[in-house]
Amino acid sequence: MEVAAATATSFTTLRARSSAIIPSPIRNLRSKARCSSSSSLRASLSNGLLSPYTGGSISSDFCGAKLRSQSLNPLNTSSSKPKRGVVTMVIPFSKGSAHEQPPPDLASYLFKNRIVYLGMSLVPSVTELILAEFLYLQYEDEEKPIYLYINSTGTTKNGEKLGYDTEAFAIYDVMGYVKPPIFTLCVGNAWGEAALLLTAGAKGNRSALPSSTIMIKQPIARFQGQATDVEIARKEIRHIKTEMVKLYSKHIGKSPEQIEADMKRPKYFSPSEAVEYGIIDKVVYNERSSQDTGVVSDLKKAQLI
């Protein structure tokens, strides 16, 4: 018993002396290695995945638990509320030339040059955006013109009703409300309510490209429900038609009776015919083309329509 006690005492003394001899940086490395290995083992046991041992690396002077925030650490079972991460929002801006813009910011670059592009059917989200752009451009400069490029089938597409006719009336009213003149240009199709917006531009600055197509037609609606509800809807669609005929007559310069007669069925115009009818004022040609090359014009030349 005395021999065993002496041996234990000498072993304890020897261990204390050896720890005193070992420099403190090496002791720190050993403790950090033990911390890294223990945290890696706990993470492996918690998620079933084996994590590599990085405790012997001198460059890693942190434990594995510090690789993620405490709020995201699955081993953190404290009762404190988790902290929310900060999400950085990137807001598009227009600065410099188009080549310096982070894609796809071409719409902002056009907007910087006071160009509003209507490139789809008139639905509420499109209407809200166009109204906001008109109002902001008026706030920015009350004298410079606003350019409205139109390539839209109105509130319908392929015979399907997509939006309300009042969407066009909202844009039309704001076009007359803002102080800057609005120059309209048809760059593809201007059908139905889109043709109304085209002809509502500033007099002398309503134009179309040579291959564009313009069409005027009656408003379309589909009713269902009780007989009283259908009758109310029929009165409303008649009112919309009357209002549209009145606005066409105002900007085109023809009598409401003639406009209503022409709108009984969809009436298509080539750009040159739209100039003769009074919907637009001019056709914009480039240097390579000096005549109407629209699809409607080609079909009429071939006597197909």
Protein backbone atom coordinates (compact mmCIF):
# COMPACT_ATOMS: atom_id res chain seq x y z
CA MET A 1 0.00 0.00 0.00
CA GLU A 2 2.84 2.36 0.80
CA VAL A 3 4.47 1.56 -2.56
CA ALA A 4 1.22 2.32 -4.46
CA ALA A 5 0.74 5.62 -2.63
CA ALA A 6 4.32 6.64 -3.30
CA THR A 7 3.93 5.76 -6.96
CA ALA A 8 0.73 7.84 -7.30
CA THR A 9 2.35 10.77 -5.52
CA SER A 10 5.41 10.66 -7.74
CA PHE A 11 3.22 10.43 -10.91
CA THR A 12 1.21 13.49 -9.85
CA THR A 13 4.38 15.45 -9.13
CA LEU A 14 5.91 14.42 -12.46
CA ARG A 15 2.75 15.49 -14.39
CA ALA A 16 2.71 18.89 -12.68
CA ARG A 17 6.41 19.40 -13.49
CA SER A 18 5.90 18.40 -17.16
CA SER A 19 2.99 20.79 -17.56
CA ALA A 20 5.08 23.55 -16.11
CA ILE A 21 7.88 22.78 -18.58
CA ILE A 22 5.57 22.81 -21.66
CA PRO A 23 5.22 26.36 -23.03
CA SER A 24 1.83 28.05 -22.75
CA PRO A 25 1.21 28.40 -26.56
CA ILE A 26 1.45 24.63 -26.97
CA ARG A 27 -0.94 24.12 -24.08
CA ASN A 28 -3.39 26.52 -25.76
CA LEU A 29 -3.11 24.59 -29.02
CA ARG A 30 -3.85 21.34 -27.26
CA SER A 31 -6.91 22.78 -25.50
CA LYS A 32 -8.20 24.25 -28.76
CA ALA A 33 -7.65 20.93 -30.50
CA ARG A 34 -9.65 19.17 -27.81
CA CYS A 35 -12.41 21.82 -28.18
CA SER A 36 -12.50 21.43 -31.97
CA SER A 37 -12.58 17.64 -31.85
CA SER A 38 -15.30 17.58 -29.20
CA SER A 39 -17.50 20.10 -31.08
CA SER A 40 -16.99 18.21 -34.37
CA LEU A 41 -17.99 15.00 -32.64
CA ARG A 42 -21.12 16.60 -31.17
CA ALA A 43 -22.09 18.01 -34.58
CA SER A 44 -21.53 14.59 -36.17
CA LEU A 45 -23.71 12.92 -33.60
CA SER A 46 -26.48 15.54 -33.97
CA ASN A 47 -26.82 15.50 -37.75
CA GLY A 48 -25.48 12.07 -38.63
CA LEU A 49 -22.68 13.50 -40.80
CA LEU A 50 -18.96 13.17 -40.20
CA SER A 51 -17.10 16.45 -40.04
CA PRO A 52 -13.38 16.66 -40.84
CA TYR A 53 -10.93 17.07 -37.98
CA THR A 54 -9.31 20.46 -38.12
CA GLY A 55 -7.99 20.69 -34.60
CA GLY A 56 -4.33 20.26 -35.57
CA SER A 57 -4.32 23.28 -37.88
CA ILE A 58 -2.47 26.25 -36.41
CA SER A 59 -4.39 28.67 -38.66
CA SER A 60 -7.78 27.68 -37.18
CA ASP A 61 -7.94 29.33 -33.85
CA PHE A 62 -11.62 28.82 -33.21
CA CYS A 63 -13.90 25.93 -32.38
CA GLY A 64 -16.35 24.44 -34.78
CA ALA A 65 -19.29 25.91 -32.86
CA LYS A 66 -18.18 29.41 -33.84
CA LEU A 67 -18.63 28.73 -37.56
CA ARG A 68 -22.32 29.59 -37.27
CA SER A 69 -24.23 32.10 -35.21
CA GLN A 70 -25.64 31.01 -31.87
CA SER A 71 -29.21 31.48 -33.15
CA LEU A 72 -28.59 28.94 -35.93
CA ASN A 73 -26.67 26.44 -33.78
CA PRO A 74 -28.79 23.28 -33.26
CA LEU A 75 -26.87 22.51 -30.07
CA ASN A 76 -27.96 25.78 -28.52
CA THR A 77 -30.83 24.89 -26.20
CA SER A 78 -30.98 28.15 -24.30
CA SER A 79 -34.38 29.69 -23.67
CA SER A 80 -33.36 33.05 -25.17
CA LYS A 81 -35.16 34.20 -28.32
CA PRO A 82 -33.28 33.54 -31.58
CA LYS A 83 -31.85 36.54 -33.37
CA ARG A 84 -33.11 37.33 -36.86
CA GLY A 85 -30.61 37.59 -39.67
CA VAL A 86 -30.29 40.78 -41.68
CA VAL A 87 -31.42 40.51 -45.32
CA THR A 88 -29.90 43.08 -47.64
CA MET A 89 -32.25 44.32 -50.38
CA VAL A 90 -30.79 45.37 -53.70
CA ILE A 91 -32.89 48.16 -55.23
CA PRO A 92 -32.33 48.72 -58.98
CA PHE A 93 -31.01 52.12 -59.87
CA SER A 94 -30.10 53.92 -63.06
CA LYS A 95 -26.62 55.33 -63.29
CA GLY A 96 -24.32 55.91 -66.21
CA SER A 97 -24.72 54.17 -69.57
CA ALA A 98 -26.69 51.04 -70.39
CA HIS A 99 -23.50 48.95 -70.33
CA GLU A 100 -22.95 49.88 -66.67
CA GLN A 101 -26.37 48.71 -65.53
CA PRO A 102 -26.71 45.44 -63.61
CA PRO A 103 -28.96 43.35 -65.88
CA PRO A 104 -31.91 43.23 -66.31
CA ASP A 105 -32.29 46.96 -65.61
CA LEU A 106 -33.13 48.09 -69.14
CA ALA A 107 -36.58 49.26 -68.05
CA SER A 108 -34.99 51.68 -65.60
CA TYR A 109 -32.64 52.92 -68.31
CA LEU A 110 -35.62 53.63 -70.60
CA PHE A 111 -37.44 55.30 -67.73
CA LYS A 112 -34.39 57.50 -67.14
CA ASN A 113 -34.88 58.79 -70.69
CA ARG A 114 -38.61 59.43 -70.04
CA ILE A 115 -39.77 56.42 -72.06
CA VAL A 116 -42.80 54.51 -70.73
CA TYR A 117 -43.25 51.13 -72.42
CA LEU A 118 -46.62 49.39 -72.58
CA GLY A 119 -45.63 45.94 -73.80
CA MET A 120 -48.47 43.67 -72.65
CA SER A 121 -52.21 43.56 -72.13
CA LEU A 122 -53.87 46.09 -69.85
CA VAL A 123 -54.21 44.43 -66.46
CA PRO A 124 -54.35 46.20 -63.07
CA SER A 125 -50.66 45.71 -62.25
CA VAL A 126 -49.60 47.23 -65.58
CA THR A 127 -51.98 50.15 -65.12
CA GLU A 128 -50.63 50.93 -61.66
CA LEU A 129 -47.05 50.95 -62.93
CA ILE A 130 -47.80 53.23 -65.89
CA LEU A 131 -49.75 55.67 -63.72
CA ALA A 132 -46.90 55.81 -61.21
CA GLU A 133 -44.38 56.45 -64.00
CA PHE A 134 -46.45 59.27 -65.50
CA LEU A 135 -46.87 60.97 -62.13
CA TYR A 136 -43.20 60.64 -61.24
CA LEU A 137 -42.00 61.97 -64.61
CA GLN A 138 -44.28 64.97 -64.15
CA TYR A 139 -42.73 65.56 -60.73
CA GLU A 140 -39.25 65.28 -62.23
CA ASP A 141 -39.85 67.75 -65.08
CA GLU A 142 -43.12 69.42 -66.09
CA GLU A 143 -41.96 70.56 -69.51
CA LYS A 144 -40.04 67.69 -71.10
CA PRO A 145 -42.26 65.31 -73.10
CA ILE A 146 -43.01 61.75 -72.06
CA TYR A 147 -42.70 59.04 -74.71
CA LEU A 148 -45.29 56.25 -74.54
CA TYR A 149 -44.33 53.20 -76.64
CA ILE A 150 -47.30 50.89 -77.21
CA ASN A 151 -47.28 47.20 -78.13
CA SER A 152 -50.49 45.91 -76.59
CA THR A 153 -53.68 44.07 -77.48
CA GLY A 154 -55.73 46.09 -75.00
CA THR A 155 -57.67 44.29 -72.30
CA THR A 156 -58.10 41.10 -74.36
CA LYS A 157 -55.77 38.54 -75.90
CA ASN A 158 -56.81 35.72 -78.21
CA GLY A 159 -60.44 36.51 -77.44
CA GLU A 160 -59.93 36.12 -73.70
CA LYS A 161 -60.79 38.98 -71.39
CA LEU A 162 -57.78 39.78 -69.20
CA GLY A 163 -58.54 43.19 -67.71
CA TYR A 164 -61.23 45.79 -67.20
CA ASP A 165 -62.00 48.47 -69.77
CA THR A 166 -61.63 51.03 -67.00
CA GLU A 167 -57.88 50.29 -66.98
CA ALA A 168 -57.60 52.18 -70.27
CA PHE A 169 -59.77 55.01 -68.96
CA ALA A 170 -57.50 55.38 -65.92
CA ILE A 171 -54.40 55.73 -68.11
CA TYR A 172 -56.26 58.04 -70.49
CA ASP A 173 -57.31 60.37 -67.67
CA VAL A 174 -53.80 60.55 -66.23
CA MET A 175 -52.41 61.28 -69.70
CA GLY A 176 -54.63 64.35 -69.75
CA TYR A 177 -53.94 65.19 -66.13
CA VAL A 178 -50.13 65.40 -66.20
CA LYS A 179 -48.58 68.59 -67.51
CA PRO A 180 -45.85 67.22 -69.83
CA PRO A 181 -46.97 66.40 -73.39
CA ILE A 182 -47.13 62.69 -74.14
CA PHE A 183 -45.79 61.50 -77.49
CA THR A 184 -47.24 58.11 -78.47
CA LEU A 185 -45.63 55.56 -80.77
CA CYS A 186 -47.04 52.20 -81.86
CA VAL A 187 -44.16 49.72 -82.11
CA GLY A 188 -46.16 46.55 -82.79
CA ASN A 189 -49.86 46.26 -82.09
CA ALA A 190 -52.30 48.82 -80.76
CA TRP A 191 -55.63 47.02 -80.56
CA GLY A 192 -58.84 48.03 -78.85
CA GLU A 193 -58.19 50.10 -75.75
CA ALA A 194 -54.49 50.41 -76.67
CA ALA A 195 -55.54 52.21 -79.87
CA LEU A 196 -57.44 54.71 -77.71
CA LEU A 197 -54.24 55.45 -75.78
CA LEU A 198 -52.34 55.78 -79.04
CA THR A 199 -54.70 58.39 -80.46
CA ALA A 200 -54.85 60.24 -77.12
CA GLY A 201 -51.25 61.43 -77.46
CA ALA A 202 -50.18 64.99 -78.13
CA LYS A 203 -51.52 66.28 -81.44
CA GLY A 204 -48.86 66.08 -84.15
CA ASN A 205 -46.80 63.53 -82.19
CA ARG A 206 -48.91 60.39 -82.56
CA SER A 207 -46.96 58.00 -84.75
CA ALA A 208 -46.40 54.36 -85.65
CA LEU A 209 -43.63 52.26 -87.11
CA PRO A 210 -44.15 50.95 -90.67
CA SER A 211 -44.87 47.32 -89.69
CA SER A 212 -47.29 48.02 -86.86
CA THR A 213 -51.01 47.21 -86.81
CA ILE A 214 -53.81 49.31 -85.33
CA MET A 215 -57.33 48.08 -84.66
CA ILE A 216 -60.47 49.60 -83.11
CA LYS A 217 -63.33 47.48 -81.78
CA GLN A 218 -66.20 47.40 -79.35
CA PRO A 219 -65.55 46.55 -75.69
CA ILE A 220 -66.01 42.89 -74.84
CA ALA A 221 -67.74 41.50 -71.75
CA ARG A 222 -69.18 38.19 -70.60
CA PHE A 223 -72.06 38.03 -68.15
CA GLN A 224 -73.40 35.38 -65.85
CA GLY A 225 -75.56 35.32 -62.78
CA GLN A 226 -79.08 36.44 -62.02
CA ALA A 227 -81.16 38.25 -64.62
CA THR A 228 -80.98 41.52 -62.68
CA ASP A 229 -77.19 41.31 -62.44
CA VAL A 230 -76.88 40.60 -66.16
CA GLU A 231 -79.06 43.61 -66.97
CA ILE A 232 -76.90 45.86 -64.78
CA ALA A 233 -73.74 44.58 -66.49
CA ARG A 234 -75.30 45.17 -69.93
CA LYS A 235 -76.04 48.79 -69.04
CA GLU A 236 -72.47 49.26 -67.85
CA ILE A 237 -70.91 47.83 -71.01
CA ARG A 238 -73.16 50.07 -73.13
CA HIS A 239 -71.98 53.04 -71.09
CA ILE A 240 -68.34 52.03 -71.67
CA LYS A 241 -68.97 51.73 -75.40
CA THR A 242 -70.60 55.18 -75.53
CA GLU A 243 -67.69 56.71 -73.63
CA MET A 244 -65.14 55.05 -75.89
CA VAL A 245 -66.93 56.26 -79.04
CA LYS A 246 -67.01 59.78 -77.64
CA LEU A 247 -63.26 59.76 -76.91
CA TYR A 248 -62.40 58.30 -80.33
CA SER A 249 -64.52 61.00 -81.97
CA LYS A 250 -62.76 63.69 -79.95
CA HIS A 251 -59.24 62.68 -80.97
CA ILE A 252 -59.85 61.33 -84.47
CA GLY A 253 -62.12 64.13 -85.65
CA LYS A 254 -64.97 62.03 -87.02
CA SER A 255 -68.60 61.93 -85.98
CA PRO A 256 -69.66 59.51 -83.22
CA GLU A 257 -72.08 57.84 -85.65
CA GLN A 258 -69.26 56.99 -88.06
CA ILE A 259 -67.02 55.77 -85.27
CA GLU A 260 -69.77 53.56 -83.90
CA ALA A 261 -70.51 52.16 -87.36
CA ASP A 262 -66.82 51.34 -87.92
CA MET A 263 -66.57 49.65 -84.52
CA LYS A 264 -69.41 47.21 -85.10
CA ARG A 265 -66.79 44.70 -86.15
CA PRO A 266 -63.03 44.86 -85.53
CA LYS A 267 -61.52 47.33 -88.01
CA TYR A 268 -57.81 47.01 -88.80
CA PHE A 269 -55.57 49.79 -90.10
CA SER A 270 -52.11 49.83 -91.55
CA PRO A 271 -50.02 52.81 -90.39
CA SER A 272 -50.71 54.82 -93.55
CA GLU A 273 -54.44 54.07 -93.31
CA ALA A 274 -54.41 55.09 -89.65
CA VAL A 275 -52.97 58.44 -90.72
CA GLU A 276 -55.78 58.91 -93.25
CA TYR A 277 -58.40 57.90 -90.67
CA GLY A 278 -56.98 60.30 -88.08
CA ILE A 279 -55.82 57.87 -85.41
CA ILE A 280 -52.17 58.91 -85.77
CA ASP A 281 -50.37 61.84 -87.39
CA LYS A 282 -47.37 60.23 -89.08
CA VAL A 283 -45.51 57.04 -89.84
CA VAL A 284 -41.91 56.87 -88.66
CA TYR A 285 -39.68 55.38 -91.37
CA ASN A 286 -36.04 54.49 -91.17
CA GLU A 287 -33.46 55.07 -93.91
CA ARG A 288 -33.91 51.58 -95.39
CA SER A 289 -37.70 51.79 -95.83
CA SER A 290 -39.84 54.53 -97.30
CA GLN A 291 -43.19 52.76 -97.62
CA ASP A 292 -45.75 50.99 -95.50
CA THR A 293 -44.58 47.41 -94.92
CA GLY A 294 -47.15 46.34 -92.34
CA VAL A 295 -48.88 42.96 -92.35
CA VAL A 296 -52.31 44.52 -92.92
CA SER A 297 -50.98 46.50 -95.87
CA ASP A 298 -49.54 43.36 -97.48
CA LEU A 299 -52.80 41.44 -97.03
CA LYS A 300 -54.80 44.27 -98.58
CA LYS A 301 -52.42 44.52 -101.53
CA ALA A 302 -52.92 40.78 -102.10
CA GLN A 303 -56.71 41.36 -101.87
CA LEU A 304 -56.97 38.86 -99.04
CA ILE A 305 -58.85 41.24 -96.75
